[in-house]
Amino acid sequence: MTGRSDTVPTVRVLIADDERLVREGIAALLALQPGIEVIGTAENGSDAVELATALTPDVVLMDVRMPGVDGVEAATRLRGLATVLMLTTFDDDGYIVAALHAGASGYLLKDLPATELAQAIRLAHAGVDQYSAAVTTRLAAMVRSRIPRPTIDLTDRETDVLRLLATGAANREIARALYLSEGTVKNHISSILNRLGVRDRTQAAIYAHEQGIF
């Protein structure tokens, strides 16, 4: 009777990082992981694209910031040719968004243990996008920031005050523009903050811009 095979399918990996010690260290750690075969390393995005075209890896581990052609541009050039998994120390929003637009299948930070990195590579090769926990948190925050806040019913006078507040006008300037006393303006602003559930003028101004009240 033939036994069940527990062989882990091999994922062929190319590593691109401009720091020699880093890429060689990652390669050495991944070589110890079952089902991972490191077939080459590159020191910049241009070399990564050239080697990936020649060696046809399953997954390219790509740093974001490299001299010459960076990781984002390299990922764009490799779209459809290999699965690109970003591996970097930078969790900047701009890099994350740019990498995803470039077609990367995930964004990982370099503090991952080798076993978790190997598993992420396997899952990325299987079509499951991979993100470090910190990156997932930032992505969620970016999505939430783009969800419009519900419209709050303000009185006409409160809307007038909020409109001027959103332009950066001080209480005295708002009072002069609306023919109100500064005390009345202060009361309106207090009411506006309470209605909107925000803590200060800046957040009220942000709400006004989100709702087109300016």
Foldseek 3Di string as FASTA:
>chain_A
DDDDDPAAAAFEEEEEAQDPVVRVVLQVLLVPDGRYHHPYYHNALVVVLVVCVVVQGQEYAAEADGPDHGRLNSLLSCVPRHAYEYEYQDLDPVSVVSNVVSPHLEYEYNVDDSHVVNVCSVVVSVPHRYYDPVNVVVVVVVVVVPDQDDDFDDDPLLLLLLLCLLVVDDLVRSCVVVVHDSVVSVVSVVVQCVRVVHDDSVVSSVNCVSVVSD
